[in-house]
Amino acid sequence: MDLTELLKKAVAMGGSDVFIIPGACVEVKVENTMLPISEERLLPRDTELIIQSMYSLARRDYECLERGGDDDFSFAIQDVSRFRCNAYKQRGTVAAICRIVNFELPDPAQLHIPDQVMRLAELRSGMVLVTGPAGSGKSTTLACIVDRINSTRNAHIVTVEDPIEYLHRHKQSLVSQREVPNDAATFSRALRAALRQAPDVIMLGEMRDQDTITTAITAAETGHLLLSSLHTIGAAKTIDRIVDSFPAEQQTQIRIQLAAVLKAVVSQRLVPTLDGKRVVVFEVMTVTTAIQNLIRDGRTHQIDNVIYGGADKNMISMDSELLRLVYEKRITRDTALLYAANAETLAKRI
């Protein structure tokens, strides 16, 4: 099976992910539906040959998969698209999932990214986190914020990703993009190096471990704007996740540092709509003096009350957005309750 032809077909169908797994046809996810794009089921040797073709396009050593059992990488096909892939071993065979990433950066307006999110590009220092489950569009939101900075400021932007998804051209800013492990061995090493590269903005694809989180907080403390993502849902859980990654004796100090440097937490989820598509729903928490005190004192469970209170126009609650979509008849009541942070309260509001 020709890899390029399969991927061209997936892109033409408007797919988001391509699944190459032995024993099944090659399938593409279009909205919430899995559709076959190959006529025959894949044999183990078929998947191996297709994945080896991917490694060839990525100019990456296939041994990375053989040694580690799984591997992240990206590649592009001219006039088609970019692809972010995870290849892995399963039941003695190999398989891969490829996310389709457009060459051009998306328009924030078309993605319905709120102004409260895009205005975060105006920040000059501190930490901004974009959170949500895998596949919810965190990388796209970060790329849109980086592009807004690139288009409006004279700055040096350093991105550290695994793998690189969106390619940023030099506009008003200079953009250095580093990929782990091709350009740097680890996230933490690349982040420490970035501090010596005269950056104004650092975009870290993901905060994966304690060492990276520590360096990221240091970067934000020293006057840089640090953008990153976490696989968490909601501002309160994001803060708890960061604090809990440290030993108990260090957690008080981390809360104090986090309260000082954190500027905003954006949480997002993809929610199915009545017309069979999906819409991104956002929660935005901007760090006010009240929230700084809650973080510092370890009272993160009270943060949701501040967001839902609606006193700050820069904040958006997930449940209010779900309620709006129900009123606009874009999602069902049951869908709203399924994704709600507080389903009981939202049910009463509906």
Foldseek 3Di string as FASTA:
>chain_A
DDLVVLLQVLVVLVFFKWKFDAPAATWTQHFNDIDHDDPDGHHLVRQVVSVVVQCVQQVHDPVVCVVPQKAWGKGDDPPGFIWTKIWGDDPNGIIMMIGTAHQDQDDCVVQVPDPLLLCVLVDQFFEEEEEAAPPQCSVSSVVSNVVSNQAPAAWEEEEEEAADRYDDDRHSYHYHYHYPPVRPPDQLVVLVVVVVVRGREYEYAAQDALSNLVSQLVRRVVRHYYYYYYHDADDLVVLVVNLVRDPPVCSLVVLLSNLVRHAKYKYWGWFAWPVSHTHIAIWIDGRDPVNSVCSNVVVSVCSLVVLVVCPDVSTHARLVRLLVCVVVRTHPLVRSLVPHPDNVVSVVVD
